[in-house]
C-alpha atoms as a PDB file:
ATOM      1  CA  MET A   1      67.132  12.765 -94.130  1.00  0.00           C
ATOM      2  CA  ASN A   2      67.956  13.094 -90.424  1.00  0.00           C
ATOM      3  CA  LYS A   3      65.340  11.822 -88.009  1.00  0.00           C
ATOM      4  CA  LYS A   4      63.929  14.217 -85.450  1.00  0.00           C
ATOM      5  CA  LYS A   5      65.356  13.660 -81.977  1.00  0.00           C
ATOM      6  CA  TYR A   6      63.518  13.436 -78.657  1.00  0.00           C
ATOM      7  CA  ILE A   7      64.092  13.302 -74.901  1.00  0.00           C
ATOM      8  CA  ILE A   8      62.136  10.993 -72.641  1.00  0.00           C
ATOM      9  CA  THR A   9      61.650  11.693 -68.934  1.00  0.00           C
ATOM     10  CA  MET A  10      60.328   9.943 -65.849  1.00  0.00           C
ATOM     11  CA  ASP A  11      59.180  11.366 -62.535  1.00  0.00           C
ATOM     12  CA  ILE A  12      59.301   8.855 -59.676  1.00  0.00           C
ATOM     13  CA  GLY A  13      57.552   9.895 -56.496  1.00  0.00           C
ATOM     14  CA  GLY A  14      56.985   8.105 -53.221  1.00  0.00           C
ATOM     15  CA  THR A  15      53.770   6.489 -54.505  1.00  0.00           C
ATOM     16  CA  THR A  16      53.499   6.992 -58.283  1.00  0.00           C
ATOM     17  CA  PHE A  17      55.532   7.432 -61.465  1.00  0.00           C
ATOM     18  CA  THR A  18      54.850   9.049 -64.835  1.00  0.00           C
ATOM     19  CA  SER A  19      56.743   9.530 -68.088  1.00  0.00           C
ATOM     20  CA  ALA A  20      56.824  12.309 -70.670  1.00  0.00           C
ATOM     21  CA  LEU A  21      58.233  12.865 -74.138  1.00  0.00           C
ATOM     22  CA  PHE A  22      59.817  16.121 -75.385  1.00  0.00           C
ATOM     23  CA  ASP A  23      61.423  17.358 -78.558  1.00  0.00           C
ATOM     24  CA  LEU A  24      64.779  19.106 -78.272  1.00  0.00           C
ATOM     25  CA  ASP A  25      63.063  22.511 -78.068  1.00  0.00           C
ATOM     26  CA  PHE A  26      61.337  21.346 -74.865  1.00  0.00           C
ATOM     27  CA  ASN A  27      57.893  21.059 -76.430  1.00  0.00           C
ATOM     28  CA  GLN A  28      56.031  18.285 -74.632  1.00  0.00           C
ATOM     29  CA  VAL A  29      54.925  15.686 -77.157  1.00  0.00           C
ATOM     30  CA  GLY A  30      53.172  13.275 -74.808  1.00  0.00           C
ATOM     31  CA  MET A  31      52.584  12.182 -71.216  1.00  0.00           C
ATOM     32  CA  SER A  32      51.868   8.733 -69.797  1.00  0.00           C
ATOM     33  CA  MET A  33      49.125   7.767 -67.416  1.00  0.00           C
ATOM     34  CA  GLU A  34      50.097   7.581 -63.738  1.00  0.00           C
ATOM     35  CA  SER A  35      51.286   4.204 -62.409  1.00  0.00           C
ATOM     36  CA  TYR A  36      51.359   3.164 -58.746  1.00  0.00           C
ATOM     37  CA  ILE A  37      54.507   1.822 -57.088  1.00  0.00           C
ATOM     38  CA  LYS A  38      52.498  -0.323 -54.650  1.00  0.00           C
ATOM     39  CA  GLU A  39      51.443  -2.502 -57.589  1.00  0.00           C
ATOM     40  CA  TYR A  40      55.027  -3.804 -57.883  1.00  0.00           C
ATOM     41  CA  GLY A  41      56.281  -6.279 -55.312  1.00  0.00           C
ATOM     42  CA  SER A  42      60.022  -6.220 -55.986  1.00  0.00           C
ATOM     43  CA  LYS A  43      62.775  -4.067 -57.425  1.00  0.00           C
ATOM     44  CA  PRO A  44      63.021  -6.091 -60.701  1.00  0.00           C
ATOM     45  CA  ASP A  45      59.242  -5.828 -61.154  1.00  0.00           C
ATOM     46  CA  LEU A  46      59.369  -2.079 -60.581  1.00  0.00           C
ATOM     47  CA  ILE A  47      62.229  -1.615 -63.080  1.00  0.00           C
ATOM     48  CA  SER A  48      60.171  -3.580 -65.614  1.00  0.00           C
ATOM     49  CA  GLY A  49      57.227  -1.302 -64.842  1.00  0.00           C
ATOM     50  CA  PHE A  50      59.364   1.747 -65.545  1.00  0.00           C
ATOM     51  CA  THR A  51      60.644   0.284 -68.809  1.00  0.00           C
ATOM     52  CA  ASN A  52      57.206  -0.776 -70.013  1.00  0.00           C
ATOM     53  CA  GLN A  53      55.695   2.630 -69.308  1.00  0.00           C
ATOM     54  CA  LEU A  54      58.462   4.359 -71.275  1.00  0.00           C
ATOM     55  CA  LYS A  55      58.197   1.969 -74.229  1.00  0.00           C
ATOM     56  CA  ARG A  56      54.430   2.386 -74.409  1.00  0.00           C
ATOM     57  CA  LEU A  57      54.801   6.153 -74.453  1.00  0.00           C
ATOM     58  CA  TYR A  58      57.256   6.470 -77.321  1.00  0.00           C
ATOM     59  CA  SER A  59      55.588   3.658 -79.286  1.00  0.00           C
ATOM     60  CA  GLU A  60      52.211   5.425 -79.039  1.00  0.00           C
ATOM     61  CA  HIS A  61      53.825   8.408 -80.769  1.00  0.00           C
ATOM     62  CA  ASN A  62      55.487   6.286 -83.468  1.00  0.00           C
ATOM     63  CA  ILE A  63      58.951   7.133 -82.181  1.00  0.00           C
ATOM     64  CA  SER A  64      61.756   4.573 -82.226  1.00  0.00           C
ATOM     65  CA  MET A  65      64.503   4.181 -79.637  1.00  0.00           C
ATOM     66  CA  ASP A  66      67.186   5.479 -82.022  1.00  0.00           C
ATOM     67  CA  GLU A  67      65.345   8.832 -82.094  1.00  0.00           C
ATOM     68  CA  ILE A  68      65.697   9.288 -78.328  1.00  0.00           C
ATOM     69  CA  VAL A  69      68.868  11.009 -77.093  1.00  0.00           C
ATOM     70  CA  GLY A  70      68.429  10.118 -73.418  1.00  0.00           C
ATOM     71  CA  LEU A  71      66.238   9.534 -70.401  1.00  0.00           C
ATOM     72  CA  GLY A  72      66.088  12.050 -67.540  1.00  0.00           C
ATOM     73  CA  ILE A  73      64.763  10.695 -64.247  1.00  0.00           C
ATOM     74  CA  SER A  74      63.436  12.755 -61.360  1.00  0.00           C
ATOM     75  CA  ALA A  75      63.594  10.901 -58.033  1.00  0.00           C
ATOM     76  CA  PRO A  76      63.454  11.669 -54.297  1.00  0.00           C
ATOM     77  CA  GLY A  77      66.745  12.455 -52.587  1.00  0.00           C
ATOM     78  CA  PRO A  78      69.184  11.950 -51.187  1.00  0.00           C
ATOM     79  CA  LEU A  79      70.862  10.650 -54.311  1.00  0.00           C
ATOM     80  CA  ASP A  80      74.181  10.825 -56.127  1.00  0.00           C
ATOM     81  CA  SER A  81      73.288  12.160 -59.541  1.00  0.00           C
ATOM     82  CA  ARG A  82      76.860  11.979 -60.801  1.00  0.00           C
ATOM     83  CA  LYS A  83      76.974   8.218 -60.260  1.00  0.00           C
ATOM     84  CA  GLY A  84      73.293   7.617 -60.991  1.00  0.00           C
ATOM     85  CA  LEU A  85      72.654   6.276 -57.486  1.00  0.00           C
ATOM     86  CA  ILE A  86      69.545   6.566 -55.367  1.00  0.00           C
ATOM     87  CA  LEU A  87      70.857   6.515 -51.800  1.00  0.00           C
ATOM     88  CA  ASP A  88      68.978   5.675 -48.601  1.00  0.00           C
ATOM     89  CA  THR A  89      65.963   7.809 -49.432  1.00  0.00           C
ATOM     90  CA  PRO A  90      63.209   7.286 -46.849  1.00  0.00           C
ATOM     91  CA  ASN A  91      60.508   7.924 -49.457  1.00  0.00           C
ATOM     92  CA  LEU A  92      61.329   5.212 -51.999  1.00  0.00           C
ATOM     93  CA  THR A  93      62.469   2.242 -49.941  1.00  0.00           C
ATOM     94  CA  MET A  94      62.317  -0.293 -52.777  1.00  0.00           C
ATOM     95  CA  LEU A  95      65.039   1.604 -54.648  1.00  0.00           C
ATOM     96  CA  GLN A  96      67.297   2.494 -51.734  1.00  0.00           C
ATOM     97  CA  ASN A  97      71.016   2.213 -52.606  1.00  0.00           C
ATOM     98  CA  THR A  98      70.257   1.378 -56.244  1.00  0.00           C
ATOM     99  CA  ASN A  99      72.212   2.382 -59.345  1.00  0.00           C
ATOM    100  CA  LEU A 100      69.025   3.327 -61.126  1.00  0.00           C
ATOM    101  CA  ALA A 101      70.759   5.048 -64.040  1.00  0.00           C
ATOM    102  CA  GLY A 102      72.856   1.946 -64.705  1.00  0.00           C
ATOM    103  CA  LEU A 103      69.867  -0.412 -64.535  1.00  0.00           C
ATOM    104  CA  MET A 104      67.788   1.727 -66.893  1.00  0.00           C
ATOM    105  CA  GLU A 105      70.678   2.139 -69.337  1.00  0.00           C
ATOM    106  CA  SER A 106      70.985  -1.654 -69.474  1.00  0.00           C
ATOM    107  CA  GLU A 107      67.262  -1.978 -70.136  1.00  0.00           C
ATOM    108  CA  LEU A 108      66.987   0.760 -72.775  1.00  0.00           C
ATOM    109  CA  GLY A 109      70.426   1.163 -74.326  1.00  0.00           C
ATOM    110  CA  ILE A 110      70.373   4.982 -74.124  1.00  0.00           C
ATOM    111  CA  PRO A 111      72.080   7.479 -71.774  1.00  0.00           C
ATOM    112  CA  VAL A 112      70.225   7.854 -68.467  1.00  0.00           C
ATOM    113  CA  LYS A 113      70.686  10.585 -65.851  1.00  0.00           C
ATOM    114  CA  ILE A 114      68.949  10.986 -62.505  1.00  0.00           C
ATOM    115  CA  GLU A 115      68.521  14.115 -60.431  1.00  0.00           C
ATOM    116  CA  ASN A 116      66.697  15.185 -57.287  1.00  0.00           C
ATOM    117  CA  ASP A 117      63.017  15.798 -58.004  1.00  0.00           C
ATOM    118  CA  ALA A 118      62.925  19.167 -56.225  1.00  0.00           C
ATOM    119  CA  ASN A 119      65.916  20.403 -58.259  1.00  0.00           C
ATOM    120  CA  LEU A 120      64.218  19.481 -61.522  1.00  0.00           C
ATOM    121  CA  PHE A 121      60.865  20.900 -60.401  1.00  0.00           C
ATOM    122  CA  VAL A 122      62.322  24.305 -59.580  1.00  0.00           C
ATOM    123  CA  TRP A 123      64.401  24.369 -62.776  1.00  0.00           C
ATOM    124  CA  GLY A 124      61.307  23.650 -64.841  1.00  0.00           C
ATOM    125  CA  GLU A 125      59.425  26.331 -62.939  1.00  0.00           C
ATOM    126  CA  TRP A 126      62.222  28.820 -63.589  1.00  0.00           C
ATOM    127  CA  TYR A 127      62.184  28.046 -67.322  1.00  0.00           C
ATOM    128  CA  ARG A 128      58.392  28.279 -67.615  1.00  0.00           C
ATOM    129  CA  HIS A 129      57.703  31.333 -65.471  1.00  0.00           C
ATOM    130  CA  TYR A 130      60.675  33.028 -63.821  1.00  0.00           C
ATOM    131  CA  ARG A 131      63.550  33.381 -66.281  1.00  0.00           C
ATOM    132  CA  LYS A 132      63.895  37.061 -65.403  1.00  0.00           C
ATOM    133  CA  GLU A 133      64.673  36.210 -61.766  1.00  0.00           C
ATOM    134  CA  SER A 134      68.238  35.602 -60.574  1.00  0.00           C
ATOM    135  CA  VAL A 135      67.356  33.420 -57.564  1.00  0.00           C
ATOM    136  CA  ILE A 136      64.313  31.228 -57.010  1.00  0.00           C
ATOM    137  CA  THR A 137      63.714  28.289 -54.724  1.00  0.00           C
ATOM    138  CA  GLY A 138      61.098  25.559 -54.819  1.00  0.00           C
ATOM    139  CA  LEU A 139      59.671  23.047 -52.381  1.00  0.00           C
ATOM    140  CA  THR A 140      57.968  19.761 -53.185  1.00  0.00           C
ATOM    141  CA  LEU A 141      55.362  18.810 -50.593  1.00  0.00           C
ATOM    142  CA  GLY A 142      54.419  15.155 -50.743  1.00  0.00           C
ATOM    143  CA  SER A 143      55.721  11.904 -49.279  1.00  0.00           C
ATOM    144  CA  GLY A 144      58.700  13.979 -48.139  1.00  0.00           C
ATOM    145  CA  LEU A 145      59.952  17.548 -48.272  1.00  0.00           C
ATOM    146  CA  GLY A 146      62.193  18.419 -51.212  1.00  0.00           C
ATOM    147  CA  VAL A 147      64.025  21.713 -51.711  1.00  0.00           C
ATOM    148  CA  GLY A 148      65.592  23.013 -54.923  1.00  0.00           C
ATOM    149  CA  VAL A 149      67.399  26.244 -55.785  1.00  0.00           C
ATOM    150  CA  VAL A 150      68.099  27.944 -59.122  1.00  0.00           C
ATOM    151  CA  ILE A 151      70.710  30.709 -59.230  1.00  0.00           C
ATOM    152  CA  GLU A 152      71.293  32.642 -62.467  1.00  0.00           C
ATOM    153  CA  GLY A 153      69.496  29.945 -64.445  1.00  0.00           C
ATOM    154  CA  ARG A 154      71.511  27.056 -63.030  1.00  0.00           C
ATOM    155  CA  VAL A 155      70.454  24.470 -60.476  1.00  0.00           C
ATOM    156  CA  PHE A 156      72.489  24.762 -57.287  1.00  0.00           C
ATOM    157  CA  THR A 157      73.641  21.280 -56.238  1.00  0.00           C
ATOM    158  CA  GLY A 158      76.580  22.071 -53.932  1.00  0.00           C
ATOM    159  CA  SER A 159      80.122  20.710 -54.033  1.00  0.00           C
ATOM    160  CA  HIS A 160      79.106  17.044 -54.195  1.00  0.00           C
ATOM    161  CA  GLY A 161      75.727  17.160 -55.946  1.00  0.00           C
ATOM    162  CA  MET A 162      73.749  16.933 -52.693  1.00  0.00           C
ATOM    163  CA  GLY A 163      73.004  20.580 -51.913  1.00  0.00           C
ATOM    164  CA  ALA A 164      69.634  21.772 -50.564  1.00  0.00           C
ATOM    165  CA  GLU A 165      68.742  18.453 -48.863  1.00  0.00           C
ATOM    166  CA  TYR A 166      67.011  20.501 -46.204  1.00  0.00           C
ATOM    167  CA  GLY A 167      64.038  18.206 -45.607  1.00  0.00           C
ATOM    168  CA  ILE A 168      66.184  15.664 -43.748  1.00  0.00           C
ATOM    169  CA  SER A 169      67.777  18.274 -41.480  1.00  0.00           C
ATOM    170  CA  PRO A 170      67.162  17.826 -37.736  1.00  0.00           C
ATOM    171  CA  VAL A 171      64.544  19.681 -35.751  1.00  0.00           C
ATOM    172  CA  LYS A 172      63.013  19.100 -32.318  1.00  0.00           C
ATOM    173  CA  TRP A 173      60.549  16.445 -33.560  1.00  0.00           C
ATOM    174  CA  GLY A 174      63.082  14.524 -35.674  1.00  0.00           C
ATOM    175  CA  VAL A 175      63.650  15.908 -39.179  1.00  0.00           C
ATOM    176  CA  TRP A 176      61.621  18.513 -41.020  1.00  0.00           C
ATOM    177  CA  GLU A 177      59.834  16.103 -43.332  1.00  0.00           C
ATOM    178  CA  ASP A 178      58.480  14.111 -40.388  1.00  0.00           C
ATOM    179  CA  GLU A 179      55.939  16.944 -40.140  1.00  0.00           C
ATOM    180  CA  ILE A 180      56.125  18.667 -43.541  1.00  0.00           C
ATOM    181  CA  SER A 181      54.825  15.663 -45.493  1.00  0.00           C
ATOM    182  CA  ILE A 182      51.788  13.481 -46.080  1.00  0.00           C
ATOM    183  CA  GLU A 183      52.714  11.479 -42.987  1.00  0.00           C
ATOM    184  CA  GLY A 184      52.960  14.649 -40.911  1.00  0.00           C
ATOM    185  CA  ILE A 185      49.502  15.778 -41.970  1.00  0.00           C
ATOM    186  CA  GLU A 186      48.069  12.338 -41.275  1.00  0.00           C
ATOM    187  CA  LYS A 187      49.506  12.488 -37.743  1.00  0.00           C
ATOM    188  CA  LEU A 188      47.748  15.822 -37.198  1.00  0.00           C
ATOM    189  CA  SER A 189      44.501  14.250 -38.436  1.00  0.00           C
ATOM    190  CA  ILE A 190      44.751  11.524 -35.774  1.00  0.00           C
ATOM    191  CA  ILE A 191      45.038  14.194 -33.082  1.00  0.00           C
ATOM    192  CA  GLU A 192      42.005  16.102 -34.393  1.00  0.00           C
ATOM    193  CA  PHE A 193      39.766  13.238 -35.574  1.00  0.00           C
ATOM    194  CA  SER A 194      41.118  10.137 -33.777  1.00  0.00           C
ATOM    195  CA  GLU A 195      41.612   8.509 -37.195  1.00  0.00           C
ATOM    196  CA  VAL A 196      43.863   8.902 -40.202  1.00  0.00           C
ATOM    197  CA  LYS A 197      42.635  11.225 -42.910  1.00  0.00           C
ATOM    198  CA  SER A 198      44.595  11.890 -46.100  1.00  0.00           C
ATOM    199  CA  PRO A 199      45.595  15.383 -47.238  1.00  0.00           C
ATOM    200  CA  LYS A 200      43.087  15.009 -50.081  1.00  0.00           C
ATOM    201  CA  GLU A 201      40.274  14.305 -47.596  1.00  0.00           C
ATOM    202  CA  LEU A 202      41.354  17.155 -45.353  1.00  0.00           C
ATOM    203  CA  PHE A 203      41.461  19.552 -48.282  1.00  0.00           C
ATOM    204  CA  GLN A 204      37.894  18.661 -49.243  1.00  0.00           C
ATOM    205  CA  MET A 205      36.769  18.946 -45.628  1.00  0.00           C
ATOM    206  CA  ALA A 206      38.362  22.396 -45.386  1.00  0.00           C
ATOM    207  CA  GLU A 207      36.571  23.357 -48.608  1.00  0.00           C
ATOM    208  CA  ASP A 208      33.312  22.245 -46.987  1.00  0.00           C
ATOM    209  CA  GLY A 209      33.971  24.464 -43.959  1.00  0.00           C
ATOM    210  CA  ASN A 210      35.161  21.872 -41.445  1.00  0.00           C
ATOM    211  CA  VAL A 211      36.936  23.884 -38.738  1.00  0.00           C
ATOM    212  CA  LYS A 212      39.102  21.000 -37.506  1.00  0.00           C
ATOM    213  CA  ALA A 213      40.413  20.380 -41.017  1.00  0.00           C
ATOM    214  CA  GLN A 214      41.106  24.082 -41.446  1.00  0.00           C
ATOM    215  CA  ASN A 215      43.009  24.066 -38.122  1.00  0.00           C
ATOM    216  CA  ILE A 216      45.194  21.212 -39.395  1.00  0.00           C
ATOM    217  CA  TRP A 217      46.137  23.204 -42.470  1.00  0.00           C
ATOM    218  CA  GLN A 218      46.907  26.267 -40.337  1.00  0.00           C
ATOM    219  CA  GLU A 219      49.216  24.189 -38.133  1.00  0.00           C
ATOM    220  CA  PHE A 220      50.892  22.773 -41.224  1.00  0.00           C
ATOM    221  CA  GLY A 221      51.316  26.308 -42.601  1.00  0.00           C
ATOM    222  CA  HIS A 222      52.992  27.461 -39.400  1.00  0.00           C
ATOM    223  CA  LYS A 223      55.618  24.715 -39.624  1.00  0.00           C
ATOM    224  CA  LEU A 224      56.098  25.214 -43.362  1.00  0.00           C
ATOM    225  CA  GLY A 225      56.558  28.932 -42.705  1.00  0.00           C
ATOM    226  CA  LEU A 226      59.467  28.113 -40.390  1.00  0.00           C
ATOM    227  CA  VAL A 227      61.143  26.086 -43.151  1.00  0.00           C
ATOM    228  CA  ILE A 228      60.625  28.802 -45.750  1.00  0.00           C
ATOM    229  CA  SER A 229      61.840  31.508 -43.358  1.00  0.00           C
ATOM    230  CA  HIS A 230      65.188  29.718 -43.147  1.00  0.00           C
ATOM    231  CA  LEU A 231      65.417  29.500 -46.939  1.00  0.00           C
ATOM    232  CA  VAL A 232      64.417  33.144 -47.417  1.00  0.00           C
ATOM    233  CA  ASN A 233      66.931  34.368 -44.848  1.00  0.00           C
ATOM    234  CA  LEU A 234      69.703  32.265 -46.382  1.00  0.00           C
ATOM    235  CA  LEU A 235      69.015  32.793 -50.099  1.00  0.00           C
ATOM    236  CA  ASP A 236      66.862  35.945 -50.421  1.00  0.00           C
ATOM    237  CA  PRO A 237      65.014  34.503 -53.444  1.00  0.00           C
ATOM    238  CA  ALA A 238      62.651  36.470 -55.637  1.00  0.00           C
ATOM    239  CA  VAL A 239      60.169  33.590 -55.677  1.00  0.00           C
ATOM    240  CA  VAL A 240      59.383  30.492 -53.637  1.00  0.00           C
ATOM    241  CA  THR A 241      57.317  28.058 -55.706  1.00  0.00           C
ATOM    242  CA  LEU A 242      55.494  25.134 -54.108  1.00  0.00           C
ATOM    243  CA  GLY A 243      54.801  21.807 -55.809  1.00  0.00           C
ATOM    244  CA  GLY A 244      53.655  18.339 -54.812  1.00  0.00           C
ATOM    245  CA  GLY A 245      50.126  17.197 -54.057  1.00  0.00           C
ATOM    246  CA  ILE A 246      49.920  18.978 -50.702  1.00  0.00           C
ATOM    247  CA  SER A 247      50.390  22.359 -52.382  1.00  0.00           C
ATOM    248  CA  ARG A 248      46.807  22.137 -53.688  1.00  0.00           C
ATOM    249  CA  ALA A 249      45.693  23.114 -50.176  1.00  0.00           C
ATOM    250  CA  PHE A 250      47.682  26.369 -50.444  1.00  0.00           C
ATOM    251  CA  PRO A 251      44.682  28.648 -49.740  1.00  0.00           C
ATOM    252  CA  TYR A 252      44.237  26.962 -46.346  1.00  0.00           C
ATOM    253  CA  PHE A 253      47.828  27.161 -45.124  1.00  0.00           C
ATOM    254  CA  LYS A 254      48.882  30.394 -46.856  1.00  0.00           C
ATOM    255  CA  GLY A 255      47.835  32.715 -44.033  1.00  0.00           C
ATOM    256  CA  SER A 256      49.644  30.970 -41.163  1.00  0.00           C
ATOM    257  CA  MET A 257      52.697  30.388 -43.368  1.00  0.00           C
ATOM    258  CA  GLU A 258      52.934  34.069 -44.290  1.00  0.00           C
ATOM    259  CA  ALA A 259      52.418  35.123 -40.654  1.00  0.00           C
ATOM    260  CA  VAL A 260      55.580  33.204 -39.706  1.00  0.00           C
ATOM    261  CA  LEU A 261      57.497  34.686 -42.632  1.00  0.00           C
ATOM    262  CA  SER A 262      56.406  38.180 -41.626  1.00  0.00           C
ATOM    263  CA  GLU A 263      57.753  37.570 -38.139  1.00  0.00           C
ATOM    264  CA  TYR A 264      61.111  36.018 -39.006  1.00  0.00           C
ATOM    265  CA  SER A 265      62.098  37.043 -42.557  1.00  0.00           C
ATOM    266  CA  PRO A 266      62.648  40.770 -43.162  1.00  0.00           C
ATOM    267  CA  SER A 267      63.223  40.272 -46.893  1.00  0.00           C
ATOM    268  CA  PHE A 268      59.756  38.731 -47.229  1.00  0.00           C
ATOM    269  CA  ILE A 269      58.257  41.954 -45.896  1.00  0.00           C
ATOM    270  CA  TYR A 270      60.476  44.561 -47.508  1.00  0.00           C
ATOM    271  CA  HIS A 271      60.876  42.986 -50.933  1.00  0.00           C
ATOM    272  CA  SER A 272      57.483  41.326 -51.401  1.00  0.00           C
ATOM    273  CA  ILE A 273      58.958  37.884 -52.053  1.00  0.00           C
ATOM    274  CA  LYS A 274      56.371  35.860 -53.928  1.00  0.00           C
ATOM    275  CA  ILE A 275      55.255  32.538 -52.405  1.00  0.00           C
ATOM    276  CA  LYS A 276      53.165  30.686 -54.987  1.00  0.00           C
ATOM    277  CA  ALA A 277      51.619  27.273 -55.501  1.00  0.00           C
ATOM    278  CA  SER A 278      52.697  25.958 -58.886  1.00  0.00           C
ATOM    279  CA  LYS A 279      50.067  25.468 -61.556  1.00  0.00           C
ATOM    280  CA  ASP A 280      52.362  23.160 -63.520  1.00  0.00           C
ATOM    281  CA  GLN A 281      53.810  20.877 -60.847  1.00  0.00           C
ATOM    282  CA  LEU A 282      54.251  17.603 -62.743  1.00  0.00           C
ATOM    283  CA  ASN A 283      54.893  19.251 -66.094  1.00  0.00           C
ATOM    284  CA  SER A 284      57.607  21.457 -64.584  1.00  0.00           C
ATOM    285  CA  THR A 285      59.394  18.448 -63.093  1.00  0.00           C
ATOM    286  CA  HIS A 286      59.368  16.603 -66.415  1.00  0.00           C
ATOM    287  CA  LEU A 287      60.550  19.745 -68.191  1.00  0.00           C
ATOM    288  CA  GLY A 288      63.440  20.068 -65.734  1.00  0.00           C
ATOM    289  CA  ALA A 289      64.396  16.444 -66.430  1.00  0.00           C
ATOM    290  CA  ALA A 290      64.405  17.138 -70.184  1.00  0.00           C
ATOM    291  CA  MET A 291      66.581  20.221 -69.660  1.00  0.00           C
ATOM    292  CA  PHE A 292      68.935  18.102 -67.553  1.00  0.00           C
ATOM    293  CA  ILE A 293      69.393  15.594 -70.391  1.00  0.00           C
ATOM    294  CA  LYS A 294      69.953  18.263 -73.043  1.00  0.00           C
ATOM    295  CA  GLN A 295      72.516  19.971 -70.794  1.00  0.00           C
ATOM    296  CA  LYS A 296      74.412  16.679 -70.480  1.00  0.00           C
ATOM    297  CA  ASN A 297      74.465  15.967 -74.233  1.00  0.00           C
END
């Protein structure tokens, strides 16, 4: 009797990582607890942390390694997914210029593929919610700014696998993700409060009616609206879906973001392009990673 087969996935962010387990029909079988990158002092320790988290997950579900067809990893860009390399990403310094796919294959003995986290997030979002749409784009708002695009059900990655790396594009203050990121929001908090406050704190303060916190989110929304206006004018998507921890504050930056879009993006006005905060953020990214592995097998 043939054993049932599974896909295992890992999402590596700037501060945390999680793993998930799927069957080949993309039903999620299990999800790990969140682990924190700061708890690991070196690259070998971090690789061991990845491996241990994965092994715990499939062991908890009584699944053996020979039942797993591959590991799909979501990681911050820029990266070379074809070679399995994380390049000089500013948001995961411990793994800069690392052949992560090769290291994990050596540890686990199964095929390993890596892909940009924003690409996998938007692909998972498309599969879960937007399969009727021909073009959607997604942004991940966290330690950095990730952008992903799905066209006719396929992730757009460009000629060399590095398409849509818009967050590191230059702007008057440096690059976009200097401001559209956790760090960018913290810098705004210093201006308003003379001390660093996290996006989570600022969200709660906005909920409690703090005007300064609400002003920070409006300023963030204005800058995010500029980014999205460029994407809308270039791609004319049906949907822009927002993920990452910062997207939880969507109600507080939605208005200023949409005001910018109304000013600079005719398609937003005339075609009612939907801008939505994802309800599935992490699950969509893991799903995209599972789809990526099945596509490659």
